[in-house]
Protein backbone atom coordinates (compact mmCIF):
# COMPACT_ATOMS: atom_id res chain seq x y z
CA UNK A 1 7.05 2.21 -7.95
CA UNK A 2 4.24 0.44 -9.77
CA UNK A 3 5.31 -2.94 -8.41
CA UNK A 4 5.20 -1.64 -4.84
CA UNK A 5 1.82 -0.01 -5.39
CA UNK A 6 0.46 -3.26 -6.83
CA UNK A 7 1.90 -5.26 -3.94
CA UNK A 8 0.35 -2.87 -1.41
CA UNK A 9 -2.99 -3.07 -3.24
CA UNK A 10 -2.94 -6.87 -3.11
CA UNK A 11 -2.20 -6.87 0.61
CA UNK A 12 -4.95 -4.32 1.23
CA UNK A 13 -7.38 -6.43 -0.78
CA UNK A 14 -6.52 -9.46 1.35
CA UNK A 15 -6.98 -7.39 4.50
CA UNK A 16 -10.47 -6.40 3.33
CA UNK A 17 -11.43 -10.07 3.09
CA UNK A 18 -9.80 -11.09 6.38
CA UNK A 19 -11.03 -8.30 8.64
CA UNK A 20 -13.65 -5.59 8.78
CA UNK A 21 -11.95 -3.07 6.50
CA UNK A 22 -14.18 -1.10 4.16
CA UNK A 23 -13.30 0.32 0.77
CA UNK A 24 -12.80 3.85 2.07
CA UNK A 25 -10.43 2.71 4.82
CA UNK A 26 -8.57 0.51 2.34
CA UNK A 27 -8.06 3.46 -0.01
CA UNK A 28 -6.98 5.61 2.92
CA UNK A 29 -4.43 2.96 3.87
CA UNK A 30 -3.06 2.85 0.32
CA UNK A 31 -2.82 6.63 0.29
CA UNK A 32 -0.78 6.55 3.50
CA UNK A 33 1.55 3.91 2.04
CA UNK A 34 2.37 5.97 -1.08
CA UNK A 35 5.10 8.09 0.58
CA UNK A 36 6.70 4.96 2.02
CA UNK A 37 6.74 3.34 -1.44
CA UNK A 38 8.29 6.48 -2.93
CA UNK A 39 10.97 6.51 -0.24
CA UNK A 40 11.79 2.83 -0.85
CA UNK A 41 12.11 3.44 -4.58
CA UNK A 42 14.50 6.33 -3.93
CA UNK A 43 16.57 4.27 -1.48
CA UNK A 44 16.96 1.36 -3.89
CA UNK A 45 17.41 3.36 -7.11
CA UNK A 46 21.17 2.75 -7.14
CA UNK A 47 21.11 -0.81 -5.85
CA UNK A 48 23.06 -3.40 -7.80
CA UNK A 49 21.71 -6.72 -9.00
CA UNK A 50 23.35 -8.55 -6.10
CA UNK A 51 21.48 -6.28 -3.68
CA UNK A 52 18.15 -6.89 -5.37
CA UNK A 53 18.45 -10.64 -5.95
CA UNK A 54 19.50 -11.82 -2.52
CA UNK A 55 15.93 -12.52 -1.33
CA UNK A 56 14.17 -13.34 -4.57
CA UNK A 57 15.03 -17.04 -4.42
CA UNK A 58 13.49 -17.46 -0.96
CA UNK A 59 10.40 -15.52 -2.02
CA UNK A 60 9.93 -17.82 -5.02
CA UNK A 61 10.26 -20.93 -2.85
CA UNK A 62 7.68 -19.57 -0.40
CA UNK A 63 5.29 -18.80 -3.26
CA UNK A 64 5.64 -22.34 -4.64
CA UNK A 65 4.62 -23.88 -1.32
CA UNK A 66 1.41 -21.83 -1.10
CA UNK A 67 -0.74 -24.36 -2.94
CA UNK A 68 0.08 -27.12 -0.45
CA UNK A 69 -0.53 -25.10 2.72
CA UNK A 70 -3.34 -26.20 5.00
CA UNK A 71 -5.47 -24.24 5.58
CA UNK A 72 -5.20 -21.84 2.70
CA UNK A 73 -6.60 -18.36 3.18
CA UNK A 74 -7.81 -17.90 -0.39
CA UNK A 75 -8.30 -20.70 -2.87
CA UNK A 76 -7.97 -19.86 -6.52
């Protein structure tokens, strides 16, 4: 659950920088996402490792290519 909440927070933070989204609206958005995160946790509670790992490899590859993208949204 904490991973999903952190992921949603990161996306909301990016949305605040990319569009006119204030802090109150961002918090409201996160509040609305909480039930969805809870449902996803419940749905995947009994998933096996093969269910969870099928997309991790592609996600890692996509993350590795971020630094070479042009243009980058946020430089760190």
